Amino acid sequence: MNNQNENKQEGEKNMSSMKDQVSDISKEAKNKAADTLDTIKSKGQDMAETVKDQAQNVDKALSGFVKDKPYIALASALFAGWVIAKVVL
């Protein structure tokens, strides 16, 4: 009987130790996931800012082109429309 009690206590200690290990692993995984998510968010924000800057640069360049050469811009737009119409229809 005494041996059974010792085995039971030993099993309870092992179970408690396993629970602690699982808890530690779970916390570590949660922390790593949170760090990864923060990294992804940061990179996404950087990429969005880069795309925004590039779009502004293109807008400025096109605006300048249209102001400097309005007839060429109009002809280019008409030609592009004609090509798109031929491809679609």
Protein backbone atom coordinates (compact mmCIF):
# COMPACT_ATOMS: atom_id res chain seq x y z
CA MET A 1 0.00 0.00 0.00
CA ASN A 2 2.81 2.37 0.90
CA ASN A 3 4.42 1.64 -2.45
CA GLN A 4 1.18 2.54 -4.23
CA ASN A 5 1.03 5.89 -2.41
CA GLU A 6 4.61 6.62 -3.38
CA ASN A 7 3.87 5.75 -6.99
CA LYS A 8 0.77 7.94 -6.91
CA GLN A 9 2.75 10.88 -5.48
CA GLU A 10 5.50 10.37 -8.01
CA GLY A 11 2.92 10.28 -10.81
CA GLU A 12 1.33 13.48 -9.54
CA LYS A 13 4.74 15.18 -9.44
CA ASN A 14 5.48 14.03 -12.98
CA MET A 15 2.07 15.22 -14.16
CA SER A 16 2.61 18.60 -12.51
CA SER A 17 6.05 18.87 -14.11
CA MET A 18 4.60 18.00 -17.53
CA LYS A 19 1.86 20.60 -17.10
CA ASP A 20 4.49 23.23 -16.30
CA GLN A 21 6.55 22.25 -19.34
CA VAL A 22 3.51 22.39 -21.62
CA SER A 23 2.58 25.77 -20.17
CA ASP A 24 6.10 27.09 -20.75
CA ILE A 25 6.14 25.82 -24.33
CA SER A 26 2.73 27.35 -24.95
CA LYS A 27 3.84 30.73 -23.60
CA GLU A 28 7.01 30.61 -25.71
CA ALA A 29 5.01 29.79 -28.86
CA LYS A 30 2.56 32.61 -28.11
CA ASN A 31 5.42 35.08 -27.65
CA LYS A 32 7.10 33.99 -30.89
CA ALA A 33 3.80 34.28 -32.78
CA ALA A 34 3.27 37.78 -31.37
CA ASP A 35 6.80 38.81 -32.38
CA THR A 36 6.29 37.42 -35.87
CA LEU A 37 2.99 39.26 -36.20
CA ASP A 38 4.63 42.53 -35.12
CA THR A 39 7.37 42.01 -37.71
CA ILE A 40 4.82 41.32 -40.45
CA LYS A 41 2.80 44.40 -39.49
CA SER A 42 5.90 46.57 -39.54
CA LYS A 43 7.01 45.29 -42.94
CA GLY A 44 3.50 45.70 -44.31
CA GLN A 45 3.39 49.31 -43.16
CA ASP A 46 6.80 49.95 -44.73
CA MET A 47 5.66 48.41 -48.01
CA ALA A 48 2.43 50.42 -48.00
CA GLU A 49 4.41 53.62 -47.43
CA THR A 50 6.77 52.74 -50.29
CA VAL A 51 3.84 52.06 -52.65
CA LYS A 52 2.22 55.35 -51.63
CA ASP A 53 5.45 57.25 -52.30
CA GLN A 54 5.85 55.58 -55.70
CA ALA A 55 2.24 56.38 -56.63
CA GLN A 56 2.80 60.02 -55.72
CA ASN A 57 5.95 60.09 -57.85
CA VAL A 58 4.08 58.62 -60.83
CA ASP A 59 1.25 61.10 -60.32
CA LYS A 60 3.68 64.01 -60.29
CA ALA A 61 5.46 62.74 -63.40
CA LEU A 62 2.22 62.22 -65.32
CA SER A 63 0.84 65.57 -64.24
CA GLY A 64 4.01 67.27 -65.41
CA PHE A 65 3.91 65.41 -68.73
CA VAL A 66 0.27 66.37 -69.35
CA LYS A 67 0.97 70.02 -68.51
CA ASP A 68 4.14 70.16 -70.63
CA LYS A 69 2.84 68.19 -73.62
CA PRO A 70 -0.96 68.16 -73.62
CA TYR A 71 -1.38 67.12 -77.27
CA ILE A 72 0.94 64.15 -76.96
CA ALA A 73 -0.82 63.15 -73.73
CA LEU A 74 -4.20 63.35 -75.47
CA ALA A 75 -2.99 61.36 -78.46
CA SER A 76 -1.48 58.74 -76.15
CA ALA A 77 -4.73 58.42 -74.23
CA LEU A 78 -6.75 58.08 -77.44
CA PHE A 79 -4.36 55.45 -78.79
CA ALA A 80 -4.44 53.50 -75.51
CA GLY A 81 -8.24 53.59 -75.56
CA TRP A 82 -8.30 52.39 -79.16
CA VAL A 83 -5.94 49.46 -78.33
CA ILE A 84 -7.98 48.47 -75.29
CA ALA A 85 -11.20 48.60 -77.34
CA LYS A 86 -9.64 46.34 -80.01
CA VAL A 87 -8.45 43.84 -77.40
CA VAL A 88 -11.74 43.74 -75.49
CA LEU A 89 -14.07 43.75 -78.49
